[in-house]
Amino acid sequence: MPQDQPPDQPPDQRPDQPHHRFARAAGKATRAFLDTSKDDAERTRVERERRAERQATEERAAEARQAATPTALKVARWWWAAATALFALVTVAFLLAGLNAPAPGGAGPASGFDVAAPESTPTGQYVLAGLAGVLAVAAGTGTVQLLRSRRSAAGLLTGVAVIVGIPLIVRGHPLLIVLAVVLLAGAALLWVPAVRKFLR
């Protein structure tokens, strides 16, 4: 008697067909892609939280440092900001004076640079404007460094005060002497022990 043939296997137990293998491979690739995307999203979230926490820590440290800023340093910052603005105004004033000065009519001191009275000639006005502009830039640079609590600001601004203040005192004019005293007092603020200790 011939042996009975095995019944046909159900579709889910038949040998793998090519399109079944491709479908499973595509499913695995999709799951792997989704898992990778989830891991990347998680890493991005963790990194974002770390950055936010680091920024918050830096802000708290900056606030604490600002609260601990000596009063003398706060005064010095405003003092030198005002001095920088003053130098800038003087620069503009000398430039305008040089532009509006009448053209010299002949030879003599009025036609060139007068060392004894440089403000009496247009050329002298431009020279003084250039010097005041250099001082404004130097004072502005020192003020920015002072706002950042840099120790180098003390040396730079003290140099500006000495370079400007001593000649102004020698000139002997009361208004110039007052200006010199103001600049030298601003420099003295930078050497207060509490300020020197705070600058870094």
N, C-alpha and C. Protein backbone atom coordinates (compact mmCIF):
# COMPACT_ATOMS: atom_id res chain seq x y z
N MET A 1 0.86 -1.18 0.00
CA MET A 1 0.00 0.00 0.00
C MET A 1 0.90 1.24 0.00
N PRO A 2 0.70 2.15 -0.91
CA PRO A 2 1.58 3.32 -0.98
C PRO A 2 1.48 4.19 0.26
N GLN A 3 2.62 4.73 0.59
CA GLN A 3 2.67 5.59 1.80
C GLN A 3 1.91 6.87 1.55
N ASP A 4 1.11 7.26 2.56
CA ASP A 4 0.31 8.48 2.42
C ASP A 4 1.21 9.70 2.30
N GLN A 5 0.85 10.60 1.43
CA GLN A 5 1.59 11.85 1.30
C GLN A 5 1.24 12.78 2.45
N PRO A 6 2.21 13.48 2.99
CA PRO A 6 1.90 14.41 4.10
C PRO A 6 1.02 15.54 3.59
N PRO A 7 0.09 15.92 4.40
CA PRO A 7 -0.79 17.02 3.97
C PRO A 7 0.02 18.29 3.74
N ASP A 8 -0.55 19.14 2.95
CA ASP A 8 0.13 20.42 2.69
C ASP A 8 0.31 21.19 4.00
N GLN A 9 1.49 21.80 4.14
CA GLN A 9 1.78 22.60 5.34
C GLN A 9 1.04 23.93 5.27
N PRO A 10 0.62 24.41 6.42
CA PRO A 10 -0.03 25.74 6.42
C PRO A 10 0.94 26.80 5.94
N PRO A 11 0.41 27.95 5.53
CA PRO A 11 1.29 28.97 4.95
C PRO A 11 2.37 29.47 5.90
N ASP A 12 2.06 29.52 7.25
CA ASP A 12 3.08 30.06 8.16
C ASP A 12 4.18 29.06 8.46
N GLN A 13 4.05 27.77 8.00
CA GLN A 13 5.08 26.78 8.25
C GLN A 13 5.79 26.38 6.97
N ARG A 14 5.46 26.98 5.88
CA ARG A 14 6.14 26.65 4.64
C ARG A 14 7.54 27.23 4.65
N PRO A 15 8.44 26.67 3.85
CA PRO A 15 9.80 27.22 3.78
C PRO A 15 9.77 28.70 3.40
N ASP A 16 10.76 29.43 3.92
CA ASP A 16 10.81 30.87 3.65
C ASP A 16 10.87 31.14 2.17
N GLN A 17 10.08 32.11 1.77
CA GLN A 17 10.12 32.60 0.40
C GLN A 17 10.99 33.84 0.36
N PRO A 18 11.55 34.20 -0.79
CA PRO A 18 12.44 35.37 -0.87
C PRO A 18 11.79 36.66 -0.36
N HIS A 19 10.51 36.85 -0.72
CA HIS A 19 9.90 38.12 -0.29
C HIS A 19 9.66 38.14 1.21
N HIS A 20 9.52 36.93 1.83
CA HIS A 20 9.40 36.90 3.29
C HIS A 20 10.71 37.32 3.96
N ARG A 21 11.83 36.86 3.41
CA ARG A 21 13.13 37.22 3.97
C ARG A 21 13.38 38.73 3.84
N PHE A 22 13.02 39.29 2.70
CA PHE A 22 13.19 40.73 2.50
C PHE A 22 12.33 41.53 3.48
N ALA A 23 11.12 41.05 3.71
CA ALA A 23 10.23 41.75 4.64
C ALA A 23 10.78 41.72 6.05
N ARG A 24 11.30 40.54 6.47
CA ARG A 24 11.88 40.47 7.81
C ARG A 24 13.12 41.34 7.93
N ALA A 25 13.96 41.37 6.90
CA ALA A 25 15.16 42.22 6.92
C ALA A 25 14.77 43.69 7.01
N ALA A 26 13.73 44.06 6.24
CA ALA A 26 13.27 45.45 6.29
C ALA A 26 12.73 45.79 7.68
N GLY A 27 12.02 44.83 8.28
CA GLY A 27 11.50 45.07 9.62
C GLY A 27 12.61 45.23 10.64
N LYS A 28 13.65 44.41 10.54
CA LYS A 28 14.78 44.54 11.46
C LYS A 28 15.48 45.87 11.27
N ALA A 29 15.67 46.27 10.00
CA ALA A 29 16.33 47.55 9.73
C ALA A 29 15.51 48.70 10.28
N THR A 30 14.18 48.62 10.14
CA THR A 30 13.32 49.68 10.66
C THR A 30 13.41 49.75 12.18
N ARG A 31 13.38 48.58 12.85
CA ARG A 31 13.48 48.58 14.31
C ARG A 31 14.83 49.12 14.76
N ALA A 32 15.90 48.73 14.05
CA ALA A 32 17.23 49.24 14.41
C ALA A 32 17.29 50.76 14.23
N PHE A 33 16.69 51.26 13.14
CA PHE A 33 16.68 52.70 12.91
C PHE A 33 15.90 53.43 14.00
N LEU A 34 14.76 52.87 14.38
CA LEU A 34 13.96 53.49 15.43
C LEU A 34 14.69 53.48 16.77
N ASP A 35 15.37 52.35 17.08
CA ASP A 35 16.14 52.28 18.33
C ASP A 35 17.26 53.30 18.32
N THR A 36 17.96 53.41 17.18
CA THR A 36 19.06 54.39 17.08
C THR A 36 18.54 55.81 17.24
N SER A 37 17.40 56.09 16.59
CA SER A 37 16.81 57.42 16.70
C SER A 37 16.42 57.72 18.14
N LYS A 38 15.88 56.72 18.83
CA LYS A 38 15.50 56.92 20.23
C LYS A 38 16.73 57.19 21.08
N ASP A 39 17.82 56.44 20.83
CA ASP A 39 19.05 56.66 21.59
C ASP A 39 19.61 58.06 21.32
N ASP A 40 19.59 58.46 20.04
CA ASP A 40 20.10 59.80 19.71
C ASP A 40 19.26 60.88 20.38
N ALA A 41 17.94 60.70 20.37
CA ALA A 41 17.07 61.68 21.02
C ALA A 41 17.34 61.75 22.51
N GLU A 42 17.58 60.60 23.12
CA GLU A 42 17.87 60.57 24.55
C GLU A 42 19.19 61.26 24.86
N ARG A 43 20.22 60.98 24.04
CA ARG A 43 21.51 61.63 24.25
C ARG A 43 21.39 63.15 24.06
N THR A 44 20.62 63.56 23.04
CA THR A 44 20.43 64.99 22.82
C THR A 44 19.73 65.64 24.00
N ARG A 45 18.72 64.96 24.55
CA ARG A 45 18.00 65.50 25.70
C ARG A 45 18.92 65.63 26.91
N VAL A 46 19.72 64.60 27.15
CA VAL A 46 20.64 64.63 28.30
C VAL A 46 21.67 65.75 28.12
N GLU A 47 22.20 65.89 26.90
CA GLU A 47 23.19 66.93 26.65
C GLU A 47 22.57 68.32 26.81
N ARG A 48 21.32 68.48 26.36
CA ARG A 48 20.63 69.77 26.51
C ARG A 48 20.42 70.09 27.98
N GLU A 49 20.06 69.08 28.76
CA GLU A 49 19.86 69.31 30.19
C GLU A 49 21.19 69.67 30.87
N ARG A 50 22.27 69.01 30.44
CA ARG A 50 23.57 69.33 31.03
C ARG A 50 23.98 70.77 30.70
N ARG A 51 23.75 71.18 29.42
CA ARG A 51 24.09 72.55 29.05
C ARG A 51 23.27 73.56 29.83
N ALA A 52 21.97 73.28 29.99
CA ALA A 52 21.11 74.18 30.75
C ALA A 52 21.56 74.27 32.20
N GLU A 53 21.93 73.13 32.77
CA GLU A 53 22.40 73.13 34.17
C GLU A 53 23.72 73.88 34.30
N ARG A 54 24.62 73.67 33.31
CA ARG A 54 25.90 74.37 33.35
C ARG A 54 25.70 75.88 33.22
N GLN A 55 24.80 76.30 32.33
CA GLN A 55 24.53 77.72 32.16
C GLN A 55 23.91 78.31 33.42
N ALA A 56 23.00 77.56 34.03
CA ALA A 56 22.40 78.06 35.27
C ALA A 56 23.45 78.19 36.37
N THR A 57 24.37 77.24 36.42
CA THR A 57 25.44 77.32 37.43
C THR A 57 26.33 78.53 37.19
N GLU A 58 26.67 78.78 35.92
CA GLU A 58 27.50 79.95 35.60
C GLU A 58 26.78 81.24 35.93
N GLU A 59 25.48 81.29 35.65
CA GLU A 59 24.72 82.50 35.96
C GLU A 59 24.66 82.74 37.47
N ARG A 60 24.46 81.65 38.23
CA ARG A 60 24.45 81.81 39.70
C ARG A 60 25.81 82.28 40.21
N ALA A 61 26.88 81.73 39.62
CA ALA A 61 28.22 82.16 40.04
C ALA A 61 28.46 83.62 39.69
N ALA A 62 27.99 84.04 38.50
CA ALA A 62 28.16 85.44 38.10
C ALA A 62 27.37 86.36 39.02
N GLU A 63 26.15 85.95 39.39
CA GLU A 63 25.35 86.77 40.30
C GLU A 63 26.00 86.86 41.68
N ALA A 64 26.54 85.73 42.14
CA ALA A 64 27.22 85.75 43.45
C ALA A 64 28.46 86.63 43.40
N ARG A 65 29.19 86.57 42.29
CA ARG A 65 30.38 87.40 42.16
C ARG A 65 30.01 88.88 42.08
N GLN A 66 28.91 89.17 41.37
CA GLN A 66 28.46 90.55 41.28
C GLN A 66 28.04 91.07 42.64
N ALA A 67 27.39 90.21 43.41
CA ALA A 67 26.97 90.63 44.75
C ALA A 67 28.17 90.89 45.66
N ALA A 68 29.27 90.16 45.39
CA ALA A 68 30.46 90.32 46.22
C ALA A 68 31.40 91.41 45.72
N THR A 69 31.03 92.10 44.63
CA THR A 69 31.89 93.14 44.06
C THR A 69 32.06 94.28 45.07
N PRO A 70 33.30 94.69 45.35
CA PRO A 70 33.50 95.79 46.30
C PRO A 70 32.88 97.09 45.79
N THR A 71 32.43 97.90 46.71
CA THR A 71 31.82 99.19 46.35
C THR A 71 32.82 100.08 45.62
N ALA A 72 34.08 100.03 46.04
CA ALA A 72 35.11 100.85 45.40
C ALA A 72 35.26 100.48 43.93
N LEU A 73 35.14 99.19 43.60
CA LEU A 73 35.26 98.77 42.20
C LEU A 73 34.06 99.24 41.39
N LYS A 74 32.87 99.19 41.98
CA LYS A 74 31.69 99.69 41.28
C LYS A 74 31.83 101.18 40.99
N VAL A 75 32.32 101.93 41.99
CA VAL A 75 32.53 103.37 41.78
C VAL A 75 33.58 103.60 40.70
N ALA A 76 34.66 102.81 40.73
CA ALA A 76 35.73 102.97 39.74
C ALA A 76 35.23 102.70 38.33
N ARG A 77 34.35 101.71 38.20
CA ARG A 77 33.81 101.42 36.86
C ARG A 77 33.04 102.61 36.34
N TRP A 78 32.16 103.18 37.12
CA TRP A 78 31.41 104.36 36.68
C TRP A 78 32.34 105.55 36.46
N TRP A 79 33.31 105.68 37.32
CA TRP A 79 34.26 106.79 37.24
C TRP A 79 34.97 106.79 35.90
N TRP A 80 35.51 105.63 35.51
CA TRP A 80 36.29 105.56 34.28
C TRP A 80 35.40 105.51 33.04
N ALA A 81 34.17 105.06 33.18
CA ALA A 81 33.23 105.18 32.07
C ALA A 81 32.95 106.65 31.78
N ALA A 82 32.79 107.44 32.85
CA ALA A 82 32.58 108.88 32.67
C ALA A 82 33.83 109.55 32.09
N ALA A 83 35.02 109.11 32.53
CA ALA A 83 36.26 109.68 32.00
C ALA A 83 36.41 109.37 30.51
N THR A 84 36.03 108.15 30.11
CA THR A 84 36.09 107.79 28.70
C THR A 84 35.15 108.67 27.88
N ALA A 85 33.95 108.88 28.40
CA ALA A 85 33.00 109.75 27.69
C ALA A 85 33.54 111.17 27.61
N LEU A 86 34.21 111.62 28.66
CA LEU A 86 34.78 112.96 28.66
C LEU A 86 35.87 113.09 27.60
N PHE A 87 36.75 112.11 27.52
CA PHE A 87 37.80 112.13 26.49
C PHE A 87 37.19 112.13 25.08
N ALA A 88 36.12 111.37 24.90
CA ALA A 88 35.47 111.34 23.59
C ALA A 88 34.87 112.70 23.24
N LEU A 89 34.25 113.35 24.23
CA LEU A 89 33.68 114.68 24.00
C LEU A 89 34.77 115.71 23.68
N VAL A 90 35.89 115.61 24.38
CA VAL A 90 37.00 116.53 24.12
C VAL A 90 37.54 116.31 22.71
N THR A 91 37.62 115.06 22.29
CA THR A 91 38.07 114.76 20.93
C THR A 91 37.16 115.41 19.90
N VAL A 92 35.87 115.24 20.08
CA VAL A 92 34.91 115.85 19.14
C VAL A 92 35.01 117.37 19.18
N ALA A 93 35.18 117.95 20.36
CA ALA A 93 35.27 119.41 20.49
C ALA A 93 36.50 119.94 19.75
N PHE A 94 37.63 119.28 19.89
CA PHE A 94 38.83 119.73 19.18
C PHE A 94 38.67 119.59 17.67
N LEU A 95 38.05 118.50 17.23
CA LEU A 95 37.83 118.31 15.79
C LEU A 95 36.94 119.42 15.23
N LEU A 96 35.85 119.71 15.93
CA LEU A 96 34.95 120.76 15.46
C LEU A 96 35.64 122.12 15.48
N ALA A 97 36.46 122.37 16.51
CA ALA A 97 37.18 123.64 16.58
C ALA A 97 38.17 123.76 15.41
N GLY A 98 38.83 122.65 15.07
CA GLY A 98 39.75 122.70 13.94
C GLY A 98 39.04 122.90 12.62
N LEU A 99 37.87 122.29 12.47
CA LEU A 99 37.12 122.44 11.22
C LEU A 99 36.54 123.84 11.06
N ASN A 100 36.15 124.43 12.18
CA ASN A 100 35.50 125.74 12.12
C ASN A 100 36.48 126.90 12.24
N ALA A 101 37.74 126.60 12.49
CA ALA A 101 38.72 127.67 12.64
C ALA A 101 38.93 128.36 11.29
N PRO A 102 39.10 129.68 11.28
CA PRO A 102 39.35 130.38 10.02
C PRO A 102 40.69 129.99 9.43
N ALA A 103 40.75 129.98 8.14
CA ALA A 103 42.00 129.64 7.45
C ALA A 103 43.04 130.71 7.75
N PRO A 104 44.29 130.33 7.99
CA PRO A 104 45.34 131.32 8.29
C PRO A 104 45.55 132.24 7.09
N GLY A 105 45.74 133.53 7.40
CA GLY A 105 45.87 134.49 6.31
C GLY A 105 47.31 134.76 5.90
N GLY A 106 48.27 134.32 6.66
CA GLY A 106 49.65 134.60 6.27
C GLY A 106 50.61 133.77 7.06
N ALA A 107 51.85 134.14 7.02
CA ALA A 107 52.87 133.39 7.73
C ALA A 107 52.82 133.72 9.20
N GLY A 108 53.53 132.95 9.99
CA GLY A 108 53.57 133.19 11.43
C GLY A 108 52.98 132.04 12.18
N PRO A 109 52.85 132.18 13.48
CA PRO A 109 52.34 131.09 14.30
C PRO A 109 50.95 130.64 13.90
N ALA A 110 50.10 131.54 13.38
CA ALA A 110 48.73 131.16 13.05
C ALA A 110 48.65 130.22 11.87
N SER A 111 49.71 130.12 11.06
CA SER A 111 49.65 129.28 9.86
C SER A 111 50.15 127.87 10.10
N GLY A 112 50.63 127.56 11.29
CA GLY A 112 51.16 126.23 11.55
C GLY A 112 50.83 125.77 12.96
N PHE A 113 51.76 124.98 13.54
CA PHE A 113 51.55 124.44 14.88
C PHE A 113 52.34 125.26 15.88
N ASP A 114 51.66 125.82 16.85
CA ASP A 114 52.29 126.62 17.89
C ASP A 114 52.43 125.77 19.14
N VAL A 115 53.67 125.44 19.50
CA VAL A 115 53.90 124.57 20.65
C VAL A 115 53.45 125.23 21.94
N ALA A 116 53.63 126.53 22.05
CA ALA A 116 53.28 127.24 23.28
C ALA A 116 51.76 127.28 23.49
N ALA A 117 51.04 127.41 22.40
CA ALA A 117 49.57 127.45 22.48
C ALA A 117 48.99 126.65 21.33
N PRO A 118 49.00 125.31 21.40
CA PRO A 118 48.57 124.49 20.27
C PRO A 118 47.10 124.67 19.93
N GLU A 119 46.31 125.10 20.91
CA GLU A 119 44.89 125.26 20.63
C GLU A 119 44.59 126.51 19.80
N SER A 120 45.61 127.33 19.51
CA SER A 120 45.38 128.59 18.79
C SER A 120 45.39 128.41 17.27
N THR A 121 45.72 127.24 16.77
CA THR A 121 45.77 127.02 15.32
C THR A 121 44.95 125.78 14.96
N PRO A 122 44.42 125.73 13.73
CA PRO A 122 43.69 124.52 13.31
C PRO A 122 44.53 123.26 13.41
N THR A 123 45.81 123.36 13.01
CA THR A 123 46.68 122.17 13.10
C THR A 123 46.82 121.71 14.55
N GLY A 124 46.96 122.66 15.44
CA GLY A 124 47.06 122.31 16.85
C GLY A 124 45.79 121.66 17.36
N GLN A 125 44.63 122.14 16.88
CA GLN A 125 43.36 121.53 17.27
C GLN A 125 43.30 120.07 16.82
N TYR A 126 43.76 119.80 15.60
CA TYR A 126 43.73 118.42 15.10
C TYR A 126 44.69 117.53 15.89
N VAL A 127 45.86 118.07 16.24
CA VAL A 127 46.81 117.29 17.03
C VAL A 127 46.22 116.96 18.40
N LEU A 128 45.61 117.96 19.02
CA LEU A 128 44.99 117.72 20.33
C LEU A 128 43.82 116.74 20.21
N ALA A 129 43.07 116.83 19.11
CA ALA A 129 41.98 115.87 18.89
C ALA A 129 42.52 114.45 18.77
N GLY A 130 43.65 114.31 18.07
CA GLY A 130 44.25 112.98 17.95
C GLY A 130 44.71 112.43 19.29
N LEU A 131 45.35 113.30 20.09
CA LEU A 131 45.81 112.86 21.41
C LEU A 131 44.62 112.48 22.31
N ALA A 132 43.59 113.31 22.27
CA ALA A 132 42.41 113.00 23.08
C ALA A 132 41.73 111.72 22.61
N GLY A 133 41.75 111.48 21.30
CA GLY A 133 41.17 110.24 20.77
C GLY A 133 41.93 109.02 21.23
N VAL A 134 43.26 109.12 21.25
CA VAL A 134 44.07 108.00 21.74
C VAL A 134 43.77 107.73 23.21
N LEU A 135 43.65 108.80 23.98
CA LEU A 135 43.33 108.64 25.40
C LEU A 135 41.94 108.05 25.59
N ALA A 136 41.00 108.45 24.73
CA ALA A 136 39.64 107.90 24.83
C ALA A 136 39.65 106.40 24.54
N VAL A 137 40.41 105.99 23.52
CA VAL A 137 40.49 104.56 23.21
C VAL A 137 41.15 103.78 24.35
N ALA A 138 42.25 104.35 24.88
CA ALA A 138 42.94 103.67 25.99
C ALA A 138 42.04 103.58 27.22
N ALA A 139 41.37 104.68 27.55
CA ALA A 139 40.48 104.66 28.71
C ALA A 139 39.30 103.72 28.49
N GLY A 140 38.78 103.68 27.26
CA GLY A 140 37.68 102.76 26.96
C GLY A 140 38.10 101.31 27.08
N THR A 141 39.31 101.01 26.57
CA THR A 141 39.83 99.64 26.69
C THR A 141 40.00 99.25 28.15
N GLY A 142 40.57 100.16 28.93
CA GLY A 142 40.75 99.87 30.35
C GLY A 142 39.42 99.72 31.09
N THR A 143 38.43 100.51 30.68
CA THR A 143 37.11 100.40 31.33
C THR A 143 36.46 99.06 31.03
N VAL A 144 36.58 98.60 29.79
CA VAL A 144 36.03 97.29 29.44
C VAL A 144 36.72 96.19 30.26
N GLN A 145 38.04 96.28 30.37
CA GLN A 145 38.77 95.30 31.18
C GLN A 145 38.35 95.38 32.65
N LEU A 146 38.07 96.60 33.10
CA LEU A 146 37.64 96.77 34.48
C LEU A 146 36.25 96.15 34.70
N LEU A 147 35.38 96.29 33.71
CA LEU A 147 34.06 95.66 33.81
C LEU A 147 34.18 94.14 33.86
N ARG A 148 35.22 93.60 33.24
CA ARG A 148 35.46 92.16 33.27
C ARG A 148 36.33 91.75 34.44
N SER A 149 36.63 92.70 35.32
CA SER A 149 37.44 92.44 36.53
C SER A 149 38.83 91.93 36.19
N ARG A 150 39.42 92.49 35.14
CA ARG A 150 40.78 92.10 34.75
C ARG A 150 41.80 92.95 35.51
N ARG A 151 42.85 92.31 35.99
CA ARG A 151 43.88 93.01 36.75
C ARG A 151 44.65 94.00 35.87
N SER A 152 44.74 93.70 34.56
CA SER A 152 45.48 94.59 33.66
C SER A 152 44.84 95.97 33.54
N ALA A 153 43.56 96.08 33.88
CA ALA A 153 42.89 97.38 33.79
C ALA A 153 43.52 98.40 34.72
N ALA A 154 43.97 97.96 35.89
CA ALA A 154 44.54 98.90 36.86
C ALA A 154 45.79 99.57 36.31
N GLY A 155 46.67 98.78 35.69
CA GLY A 155 47.89 99.36 35.13
C GLY A 155 47.61 100.29 33.97
N LEU A 156 46.69 99.88 33.08
CA LEU A 156 46.39 100.71 31.90
C LEU A 156 45.76 102.04 32.30
N LEU A 157 44.75 101.99 33.16
CA LEU A 157 44.06 103.22 33.54
C LEU A 157 44.94 104.11 34.43
N THR A 158 45.78 103.51 35.25
CA THR A 158 46.71 104.32 36.03
C THR A 158 47.69 105.05 35.12
N GLY A 159 48.15 104.34 34.08
CA GLY A 159 49.03 104.99 33.12
C GLY A 159 48.36 106.17 32.43
N VAL A 160 47.10 106.00 32.05
CA VAL A 160 46.36 107.10 31.43
C VAL A 160 46.25 108.27 32.39
N ALA A 161 45.92 108.00 33.66
CA ALA A 161 45.76 109.07 34.64
C ALA A 161 47.07 109.83 34.86
N VAL A 162 48.18 109.11 34.92
CA VAL A 162 49.48 109.76 35.16
C VAL A 162 49.91 110.56 33.94
N ILE A 163 49.75 109.96 32.74
CA ILE A 163 50.18 110.64 31.51
C ILE A 163 49.40 111.94 31.30
N VAL A 164 48.12 111.92 31.65
CA VAL A 164 47.29 113.12 31.45
C VAL A 164 47.35 114.04 32.67
N GLY A 165 47.31 113.45 33.86
CA GLY A 165 47.18 114.26 35.07
C GLY A 165 48.38 115.12 35.37
N ILE A 166 49.59 114.56 35.27
CA ILE A 166 50.80 115.33 35.62
C ILE A 166 50.96 116.56 34.72
N PRO A 167 50.88 116.43 33.38
CA PRO A 167 50.98 117.64 32.55
C PRO A 167 49.89 118.67 32.84
N LEU A 168 48.67 118.20 33.16
CA LEU A 168 47.60 119.15 33.46
C LEU A 168 47.89 119.94 34.74
N ILE A 169 48.48 119.27 35.72
CA ILE A 169 48.84 119.98 36.96
C ILE A 169 49.94 121.00 36.68
N VAL A 170 50.90 120.63 35.83
CA VAL A 170 52.00 121.55 35.51
C VAL A 170 51.50 122.80 34.81
N ARG A 171 50.43 122.64 34.00
CA ARG A 171 49.90 123.80 33.28
C ARG A 171 49.41 124.88 34.24
N GLY A 172 48.95 124.49 35.42
CA GLY A 172 48.60 125.47 36.44
C GLY A 172 47.22 126.07 36.34
N HIS A 173 46.45 125.72 35.32
CA HIS A 173 45.09 126.27 35.20
C HIS A 173 44.18 125.55 36.20
N PRO A 174 43.36 126.29 36.96
CA PRO A 174 42.52 125.65 38.00
C PRO A 174 41.62 124.54 37.44
N LEU A 175 41.00 124.78 36.28
CA LEU A 175 40.11 123.76 35.72
C LEU A 175 40.87 122.50 35.33
N LEU A 176 42.07 122.70 34.77
CA LEU A 176 42.89 121.55 34.38
C LEU A 176 43.38 120.80 35.61
N ILE A 177 43.67 121.52 36.69
CA ILE A 177 44.10 120.87 37.92
C ILE A 177 42.97 120.01 38.48
N VAL A 178 41.75 120.52 38.42
CA VAL A 178 40.59 119.74 38.90
C VAL A 178 40.45 118.47 38.07
N LEU A 179 40.59 118.58 36.75
CA LEU A 179 40.49 117.40 35.88
C LEU A 179 41.60 116.39 36.21
N ALA A 180 42.81 116.90 36.47
CA ALA A 180 43.91 116.00 36.82
C ALA A 180 43.64 115.27 38.12
N VAL A 181 43.10 116.00 39.10
CA VAL A 181 42.80 115.38 40.38
C VAL A 181 41.73 114.31 40.22
N VAL A 182 40.75 114.57 39.38
CA VAL A 182 39.69 113.59 39.14
C VAL A 182 40.29 112.31 38.55
N LEU A 183 41.16 112.45 37.56
CA LEU A 183 41.78 111.28 36.93
C LEU A 183 42.66 110.52 37.91
N LEU A 184 43.45 111.24 38.68
CA LEU A 184 44.34 110.57 39.64
C LEU A 184 43.55 109.91 40.76
N ALA A 185 42.43 110.52 41.15
CA ALA A 185 41.58 109.88 42.16
C ALA A 185 40.97 108.60 41.61
N GLY A 186 40.59 108.62 40.32
CA GLY A 186 40.08 107.38 39.70
C GLY A 186 41.13 106.30 39.66
N ALA A 187 42.39 106.69 39.44
CA ALA A 187 43.47 105.70 39.46
C ALA A 187 43.68 105.16 40.87
N ALA A 188 43.56 106.05 41.88
CA ALA A 188 43.75 105.60 43.26
C ALA A 188 42.70 104.58 43.66
N LEU A 189 41.49 104.71 43.13
CA LEU A 189 40.45 103.72 43.44
C LEU A 189 40.85 102.31 43.03
N LEU A 190 41.63 102.22 41.96
CA LEU A 190 42.01 100.90 41.45
C LEU A 190 43.03 100.20 42.32
N TRP A 191 43.66 100.95 43.23
CA TRP A 191 44.70 100.35 44.07
C TRP A 191 44.24 100.15 45.51
N VAL A 192 42.93 100.31 45.74
CA VAL A 192 42.37 99.98 47.06
C VAL A 192 42.54 98.47 47.26
N PRO A 193 42.98 98.03 48.43
CA PRO A 193 43.24 96.58 48.64
C PRO A 193 42.07 95.68 48.28
N ALA A 194 40.86 96.09 48.60
CA ALA A 194 39.70 95.26 48.28
C ALA A 194 39.53 95.09 46.77
N VAL A 195 39.83 96.16 46.03
CA VAL A 195 39.71 96.10 44.56
C VAL A 195 40.82 95.23 43.99
N ARG A 196 42.04 95.42 44.46
CA ARG A 196 43.18 94.64 43.97
C ARG A 196 42.97 93.14 44.25
N LYS A 197 42.38 92.84 45.38
CA LYS A 197 42.12 91.44 45.72
C LYS A 197 41.03 90.83 44.83
N PHE A 198 40.08 91.67 44.42
CA PHE A 198 38.96 91.17 43.62
C PHE A 198 39.35 90.97 42.16
N LEU A 199 40.21 91.86 41.65
CA LEU A 199 40.61 91.75 40.24
C LEU A 199 41.42 90.48 40.03
N ARG A 200 41.26 89.90 38.84
CA ARG A 200 41.98 88.65 38.57
C ARG A 200 42.71 88.71 37.24
